[in-house]
N, C-alpha and C. Protein backbone atom coordinates (compact mmCIF):
# COMPACT_ATOMS: atom_id res chain seq x y z
N MET A 1 0.85 -1.19 0.00
CA MET A 1 0.00 0.00 0.00
C MET A 1 0.89 1.24 0.00
N SER A 2 0.52 2.19 -0.82
CA SER A 2 1.26 3.44 -0.91
C SER A 2 1.01 4.30 0.32
N PRO A 3 2.06 4.93 0.85
CA PRO A 3 1.86 5.80 2.01
C PRO A 3 1.20 7.13 1.62
N MET A 4 1.01 7.37 0.32
CA MET A 4 0.39 8.61 -0.13
C MET A 4 -0.95 8.33 -0.79
N ARG A 5 -1.93 9.19 -0.51
CA ARG A 5 -3.27 9.08 -1.11
C ARG A 5 -3.75 10.48 -1.45
N LEU A 6 -4.22 10.67 -2.66
CA LEU A 6 -4.78 11.95 -3.06
C LEU A 6 -6.06 12.17 -2.27
N SER A 7 -6.15 13.29 -1.55
CA SER A 7 -7.32 13.57 -0.74
C SER A 7 -8.16 14.71 -1.29
N THR A 8 -7.50 15.68 -1.97
CA THR A 8 -8.22 16.88 -2.37
C THR A 8 -7.56 17.50 -3.60
N VAL A 9 -8.37 18.07 -4.46
CA VAL A 9 -7.90 18.92 -5.55
C VAL A 9 -8.29 20.34 -5.16
N VAL A 10 -7.34 21.28 -5.19
CA VAL A 10 -7.60 22.66 -4.78
C VAL A 10 -7.58 23.57 -5.99
N LEU A 11 -8.61 24.39 -6.14
CA LEU A 11 -8.70 25.36 -7.22
C LEU A 11 -8.69 26.76 -6.62
N ASP A 12 -7.84 27.62 -7.15
CA ASP A 12 -7.88 29.03 -6.76
C ASP A 12 -9.07 29.70 -7.42
N ALA A 13 -9.56 30.75 -6.80
CA ALA A 13 -10.72 31.47 -7.33
C ALA A 13 -10.75 32.87 -6.74
N PRO A 14 -11.44 33.79 -7.39
CA PRO A 14 -11.57 35.12 -6.80
C PRO A 14 -12.45 35.09 -5.55
N ASP A 15 -13.36 34.09 -5.43
CA ASP A 15 -14.24 33.95 -4.28
C ASP A 15 -14.45 32.45 -4.03
N ALA A 16 -13.75 31.92 -3.03
CA ALA A 16 -13.81 30.49 -2.75
C ALA A 16 -15.23 30.02 -2.44
N HIS A 17 -15.97 30.80 -1.70
CA HIS A 17 -17.32 30.39 -1.30
C HIS A 17 -18.27 30.33 -2.49
N ARG A 18 -18.16 31.27 -3.39
CA ARG A 18 -19.02 31.28 -4.59
C ARG A 18 -18.74 30.06 -5.46
N LEU A 19 -17.46 29.74 -5.66
CA LEU A 19 -17.12 28.61 -6.51
C LEU A 19 -17.49 27.29 -5.82
N ALA A 20 -17.29 27.20 -4.51
CA ALA A 20 -17.68 25.99 -3.77
C ALA A 20 -19.19 25.77 -3.89
N ASP A 21 -19.97 26.84 -3.81
CA ASP A 21 -21.42 26.74 -3.93
C ASP A 21 -21.81 26.19 -5.30
N PHE A 22 -21.14 26.66 -6.35
CA PHE A 22 -21.40 26.17 -7.70
C PHE A 22 -21.17 24.65 -7.78
N TYR A 23 -20.01 24.17 -7.31
CA TYR A 23 -19.70 22.75 -7.40
C TYR A 23 -20.57 21.91 -6.46
N GLN A 24 -20.99 22.46 -5.33
CA GLN A 24 -21.94 21.75 -4.47
C GLN A 24 -23.22 21.47 -5.23
N ARG A 25 -23.75 22.48 -5.89
CA ARG A 25 -25.01 22.31 -6.64
C ARG A 25 -24.81 21.37 -7.82
N LEU A 26 -23.69 21.55 -8.54
CA LEU A 26 -23.44 20.76 -9.74
C LEU A 26 -23.27 19.28 -9.43
N LEU A 27 -22.49 18.97 -8.39
CA LEU A 27 -22.12 17.59 -8.10
C LEU A 27 -22.89 16.96 -6.94
N GLY A 28 -23.69 17.75 -6.23
CA GLY A 28 -24.40 17.21 -5.07
C GLY A 28 -23.48 16.98 -3.89
N TYR A 29 -22.38 17.71 -3.83
CA TYR A 29 -21.41 17.58 -2.74
C TYR A 29 -21.88 18.32 -1.50
N VAL A 30 -21.25 18.02 -0.38
CA VAL A 30 -21.53 18.68 0.89
C VAL A 30 -20.26 19.40 1.36
N VAL A 31 -20.45 20.43 2.18
CA VAL A 31 -19.31 21.14 2.76
C VAL A 31 -18.71 20.28 3.86
N ARG A 32 -17.40 20.06 3.78
CA ARG A 32 -16.69 19.30 4.81
C ARG A 32 -15.97 20.23 5.78
N GLU A 33 -15.41 21.30 5.25
CA GLU A 33 -14.71 22.29 6.08
C GLU A 33 -14.87 23.65 5.43
N GLU A 34 -14.83 24.69 6.26
CA GLU A 34 -15.02 26.03 5.74
C GLU A 34 -14.27 27.03 6.60
N GLU A 35 -13.56 27.92 5.94
CA GLU A 35 -12.84 29.02 6.57
C GLU A 35 -13.16 30.28 5.77
N PRO A 36 -12.76 31.45 6.23
CA PRO A 36 -13.11 32.68 5.49
C PRO A 36 -12.67 32.68 4.02
N ASP A 37 -11.50 32.13 3.70
CA ASP A 37 -10.99 32.16 2.33
C ASP A 37 -10.74 30.77 1.76
N TRP A 38 -11.39 29.75 2.32
CA TRP A 38 -11.14 28.38 1.89
C TRP A 38 -12.36 27.53 2.21
N VAL A 39 -12.75 26.67 1.25
CA VAL A 39 -13.89 25.77 1.45
C VAL A 39 -13.53 24.40 0.86
N LEU A 40 -13.84 23.34 1.60
CA LEU A 40 -13.65 21.97 1.14
C LEU A 40 -15.02 21.33 1.00
N VAL A 41 -15.31 20.81 -0.20
CA VAL A 41 -16.55 20.07 -0.44
C VAL A 41 -16.19 18.68 -0.92
N GLY A 42 -17.12 17.75 -0.77
CA GLY A 42 -16.87 16.39 -1.24
C GLY A 42 -18.14 15.58 -1.29
N PRO A 43 -18.04 14.37 -1.84
CA PRO A 43 -19.20 13.49 -1.91
C PRO A 43 -19.71 13.18 -0.50
N PRO A 44 -21.02 13.09 -0.31
CA PRO A 44 -21.57 12.82 1.02
C PRO A 44 -21.02 11.54 1.65
N GLY A 45 -20.72 10.52 0.86
CA GLY A 45 -20.23 9.26 1.40
C GLY A 45 -18.73 9.16 1.54
N GLY A 46 -18.00 10.27 1.32
CA GLY A 46 -16.54 10.25 1.38
C GLY A 46 -15.94 10.18 -0.01
N GLY A 47 -14.65 10.27 -0.07
CA GLY A 47 -13.95 10.26 -1.35
C GLY A 47 -13.17 11.55 -1.55
N VAL A 48 -12.52 11.64 -2.69
CA VAL A 48 -11.68 12.81 -2.99
C VAL A 48 -12.56 14.06 -3.05
N GLY A 49 -12.10 15.10 -2.37
CA GLY A 49 -12.85 16.34 -2.32
C GLY A 49 -12.28 17.41 -3.24
N LEU A 50 -13.04 18.48 -3.36
CA LEU A 50 -12.60 19.67 -4.08
C LEU A 50 -12.53 20.80 -3.06
N ALA A 51 -11.42 21.52 -3.06
CA ALA A 51 -11.29 22.67 -2.18
C ALA A 51 -11.11 23.92 -3.04
N PHE A 52 -11.52 25.03 -2.50
CA PHE A 52 -11.46 26.31 -3.21
C PHE A 52 -10.81 27.32 -2.28
N GLN A 53 -9.84 28.01 -2.83
CA GLN A 53 -9.06 28.97 -2.06
C GLN A 53 -9.18 30.34 -2.72
N THR A 54 -9.55 31.35 -1.94
CA THR A 54 -9.64 32.70 -2.48
C THR A 54 -8.24 33.22 -2.77
N GLU A 55 -8.06 33.69 -3.98
CA GLU A 55 -6.78 34.27 -4.42
C GLU A 55 -7.09 35.65 -4.99
N PRO A 56 -6.74 36.72 -4.25
CA PRO A 56 -7.06 38.07 -4.72
C PRO A 56 -6.46 38.42 -6.08
N ALA A 57 -5.33 37.84 -6.43
CA ALA A 57 -4.69 38.13 -7.72
C ALA A 57 -5.03 37.08 -8.78
N TYR A 58 -6.12 36.35 -8.58
CA TYR A 58 -6.51 35.27 -9.49
C TYR A 58 -6.68 35.77 -10.92
N VAL A 59 -6.12 35.00 -11.85
CA VAL A 59 -6.29 35.25 -13.29
C VAL A 59 -6.86 33.96 -13.88
N PRO A 60 -8.03 34.04 -14.51
CA PRO A 60 -8.62 32.80 -15.04
C PRO A 60 -7.78 32.20 -16.16
N PRO A 61 -7.79 30.87 -16.26
CA PRO A 61 -7.06 30.22 -17.35
C PRO A 61 -7.73 30.50 -18.69
N ARG A 62 -6.99 30.30 -19.75
CA ARG A 62 -7.50 30.50 -21.12
C ARG A 62 -7.84 29.15 -21.73
N TRP A 63 -9.01 29.04 -22.31
CA TRP A 63 -9.39 27.86 -23.07
C TRP A 63 -9.99 28.33 -24.39
N PRO A 64 -9.51 27.84 -25.48
CA PRO A 64 -8.33 26.99 -25.61
C PRO A 64 -7.05 27.79 -25.38
N GLU A 65 -5.98 27.08 -25.22
CA GLU A 65 -4.68 27.69 -24.92
C GLU A 65 -4.08 28.27 -26.19
N ARG A 66 -4.40 29.52 -26.47
CA ARG A 66 -3.97 30.12 -27.74
C ARG A 66 -2.96 31.25 -27.57
N GLU A 67 -2.86 31.82 -26.42
CA GLU A 67 -2.01 33.00 -26.25
C GLU A 67 -0.68 32.64 -25.60
N PRO A 68 0.40 32.61 -26.36
CA PRO A 68 1.71 32.35 -25.75
C PRO A 68 2.00 33.39 -24.68
N GLY A 69 2.45 32.93 -23.53
CA GLY A 69 2.78 33.82 -22.44
C GLY A 69 1.60 34.20 -21.57
N GLY A 70 0.38 33.84 -21.97
CA GLY A 70 -0.81 34.13 -21.17
C GLY A 70 -1.05 33.03 -20.16
N GLN A 71 -2.01 33.25 -19.28
CA GLN A 71 -2.36 32.24 -18.28
C GLN A 71 -2.94 31.03 -19.01
N GLN A 72 -2.30 29.89 -18.87
CA GLN A 72 -2.71 28.68 -19.56
C GLN A 72 -3.50 27.77 -18.63
N MET A 73 -4.33 26.91 -19.22
CA MET A 73 -5.04 25.90 -18.45
C MET A 73 -4.01 24.90 -17.92
N MET A 74 -4.02 24.65 -16.63
CA MET A 74 -3.06 23.73 -16.06
C MET A 74 -3.69 22.38 -15.71
N LEU A 75 -5.00 22.38 -15.54
CA LEU A 75 -5.72 21.14 -15.28
C LEU A 75 -7.18 21.40 -15.60
N HIS A 76 -7.93 20.32 -15.74
CA HIS A 76 -9.37 20.44 -15.86
C HIS A 76 -10.00 19.23 -15.20
N LEU A 77 -11.25 19.35 -14.82
CA LEU A 77 -11.99 18.26 -14.21
C LEU A 77 -12.80 17.54 -15.28
N ASP A 78 -12.79 16.22 -15.26
CA ASP A 78 -13.64 15.40 -16.12
C ASP A 78 -14.78 14.89 -15.25
N ILE A 79 -16.01 15.18 -15.67
CA ILE A 79 -17.19 14.79 -14.91
C ILE A 79 -18.05 13.89 -15.78
N GLU A 80 -18.21 12.64 -15.36
CA GLU A 80 -19.00 11.67 -16.11
C GLU A 80 -20.49 11.94 -15.90
N VAL A 81 -21.25 11.89 -16.99
CA VAL A 81 -22.70 12.10 -16.93
C VAL A 81 -23.39 11.02 -17.75
N ASP A 82 -24.68 10.81 -17.51
CA ASP A 82 -25.45 9.84 -18.28
C ASP A 82 -26.06 10.49 -19.53
N ASP A 83 -26.46 11.76 -19.43
CA ASP A 83 -27.12 12.46 -20.53
C ASP A 83 -26.38 13.76 -20.78
N LEU A 84 -25.57 13.78 -21.83
CA LEU A 84 -24.70 14.93 -22.10
C LEU A 84 -25.50 16.21 -22.33
N GLY A 85 -26.56 16.16 -23.11
CA GLY A 85 -27.35 17.34 -23.39
C GLY A 85 -28.03 17.91 -22.15
N ALA A 86 -28.68 17.03 -21.39
CA ALA A 86 -29.41 17.47 -20.19
C ALA A 86 -28.46 18.02 -19.13
N GLU A 87 -27.34 17.36 -18.93
CA GLU A 87 -26.41 17.80 -17.89
C GLU A 87 -25.64 19.06 -18.31
N THR A 88 -25.42 19.23 -19.61
CA THR A 88 -24.83 20.49 -20.09
C THR A 88 -25.79 21.64 -19.80
N ALA A 89 -27.05 21.44 -20.10
CA ALA A 89 -28.06 22.48 -19.84
C ALA A 89 -28.15 22.78 -18.35
N ARG A 90 -28.09 21.75 -17.51
CA ARG A 90 -28.16 21.95 -16.05
C ARG A 90 -26.94 22.70 -15.55
N ALA A 91 -25.75 22.35 -16.07
CA ALA A 91 -24.52 23.06 -15.65
C ALA A 91 -24.60 24.54 -16.02
N VAL A 92 -25.11 24.83 -17.21
CA VAL A 92 -25.27 26.23 -17.62
C VAL A 92 -26.28 26.93 -16.71
N ALA A 93 -27.37 26.26 -16.37
CA ALA A 93 -28.37 26.85 -15.48
C ALA A 93 -27.79 27.13 -14.10
N GLU A 94 -26.82 26.32 -13.67
CA GLU A 94 -26.18 26.51 -12.36
C GLU A 94 -25.12 27.60 -12.38
N GLY A 95 -24.73 28.08 -13.57
CA GLY A 95 -23.76 29.18 -13.63
C GLY A 95 -22.55 28.92 -14.49
N ALA A 96 -22.45 27.74 -15.11
CA ALA A 96 -21.33 27.46 -16.02
C ALA A 96 -21.58 28.16 -17.36
N THR A 97 -20.51 28.29 -18.13
CA THR A 97 -20.59 28.85 -19.47
C THR A 97 -20.09 27.80 -20.46
N LEU A 98 -20.83 27.57 -21.51
CA LEU A 98 -20.38 26.64 -22.55
C LEU A 98 -19.21 27.30 -23.27
N ALA A 99 -18.08 26.61 -23.33
CA ALA A 99 -16.90 27.15 -24.01
C ALA A 99 -17.20 27.33 -25.49
N GLU A 100 -16.66 28.38 -26.05
CA GLU A 100 -16.87 28.64 -27.48
C GLU A 100 -16.26 27.53 -28.33
N TYR A 101 -15.08 27.07 -27.95
CA TYR A 101 -14.39 26.02 -28.70
C TYR A 101 -14.72 24.66 -28.11
N GLN A 102 -15.25 23.76 -28.93
CA GLN A 102 -15.60 22.40 -28.53
C GLN A 102 -14.82 21.44 -29.42
N PRO A 103 -13.77 20.78 -28.89
CA PRO A 103 -12.91 19.95 -29.73
C PRO A 103 -13.49 18.58 -30.10
N GLN A 104 -14.56 18.14 -29.40
CA GLN A 104 -15.11 16.81 -29.65
C GLN A 104 -16.63 16.89 -29.63
N ASP A 105 -17.28 16.06 -30.43
CA ASP A 105 -18.74 16.03 -30.46
C ASP A 105 -19.34 15.33 -29.25
N ASP A 106 -18.59 14.41 -28.64
CA ASP A 106 -19.13 13.60 -27.55
C ASP A 106 -18.66 14.05 -26.17
N VAL A 107 -18.09 15.25 -26.07
CA VAL A 107 -17.64 15.85 -24.81
C VAL A 107 -18.04 17.32 -24.86
N ARG A 108 -18.46 17.87 -23.73
CA ARG A 108 -18.76 19.30 -23.66
C ARG A 108 -17.78 19.96 -22.72
N VAL A 109 -17.10 20.98 -23.22
CA VAL A 109 -16.20 21.78 -22.40
C VAL A 109 -16.99 22.98 -21.91
N LEU A 110 -16.97 23.17 -20.60
CA LEU A 110 -17.63 24.31 -19.97
C LEU A 110 -16.63 25.04 -19.10
N LEU A 111 -16.97 26.25 -18.72
CA LEU A 111 -16.16 27.04 -17.81
C LEU A 111 -16.98 27.29 -16.56
N ASP A 112 -16.37 27.04 -15.39
CA ASP A 112 -17.09 27.32 -14.15
C ASP A 112 -17.14 28.83 -13.92
N PRO A 113 -17.82 29.31 -12.89
CA PRO A 113 -17.94 30.76 -12.69
C PRO A 113 -16.60 31.50 -12.52
N ALA A 114 -15.53 30.79 -12.17
CA ALA A 114 -14.21 31.41 -12.05
C ALA A 114 -13.38 31.23 -13.32
N GLY A 115 -13.94 30.57 -14.33
CA GLY A 115 -13.25 30.40 -15.60
C GLY A 115 -12.45 29.12 -15.76
N HIS A 116 -12.49 28.21 -14.77
CA HIS A 116 -11.79 26.92 -14.90
C HIS A 116 -12.54 26.04 -15.90
N PRO A 117 -11.85 25.49 -16.90
CA PRO A 117 -12.52 24.55 -17.80
C PRO A 117 -12.82 23.23 -17.10
N PHE A 118 -13.95 22.63 -17.45
CA PHE A 118 -14.24 21.27 -17.03
C PHE A 118 -15.00 20.59 -18.17
N CYS A 119 -14.89 19.28 -18.21
CA CYS A 119 -15.52 18.51 -19.30
C CYS A 119 -16.61 17.62 -18.75
N LEU A 120 -17.74 17.63 -19.42
CA LEU A 120 -18.78 16.65 -19.20
C LEU A 120 -18.65 15.60 -20.29
N TRP A 121 -18.73 14.33 -19.91
CA TRP A 121 -18.57 13.27 -20.88
C TRP A 121 -19.43 12.09 -20.49
N THR A 122 -19.76 11.26 -21.47
CA THR A 122 -20.51 10.05 -21.22
C THR A 122 -19.58 8.85 -21.43
N PRO A 123 -19.88 7.73 -20.79
CA PRO A 123 -19.05 6.54 -21.00
C PRO A 123 -18.92 6.23 -22.48
N GLY A 124 -17.71 5.90 -22.87
CA GLY A 124 -17.42 5.65 -24.27
C GLY A 124 -16.79 6.86 -24.95
N ALA A 125 -16.88 8.04 -24.30
CA ALA A 125 -16.26 9.26 -24.82
C ALA A 125 -14.95 9.50 -24.06
N ALA A 126 -14.04 10.23 -24.66
CA ALA A 126 -12.78 10.57 -24.00
C ALA A 126 -12.64 12.07 -24.01
N SER A 127 -11.96 12.61 -22.99
CA SER A 127 -11.74 14.07 -22.96
C SER A 127 -10.27 14.38 -23.00
């Protein structure tokens, strides 16, 4: 057994609480810990969580990565869904933005309220 286990993915944001609220609604997660500039959410039954940290100098990543020297996307979240169309519409209703550039027909790239790209995909699709 490895002595290391991934426990949390942390995303910087201009407002940690606002972004945590978005992902709580989107994924059905619950708040595990909360501080003035930091929030940890995760699945109700346990598992890897998402944390959000307020960063006053936050600069949103660019998708697609077209500007040399600009803030580039360093990671994205892949979220499996059963119905790509319905869940894309729900994500937009919750505050996500459909990215202008869509590289695949069977994956939807969206931007969360802080501008982080994430992909919705169905089994059999790759992101």
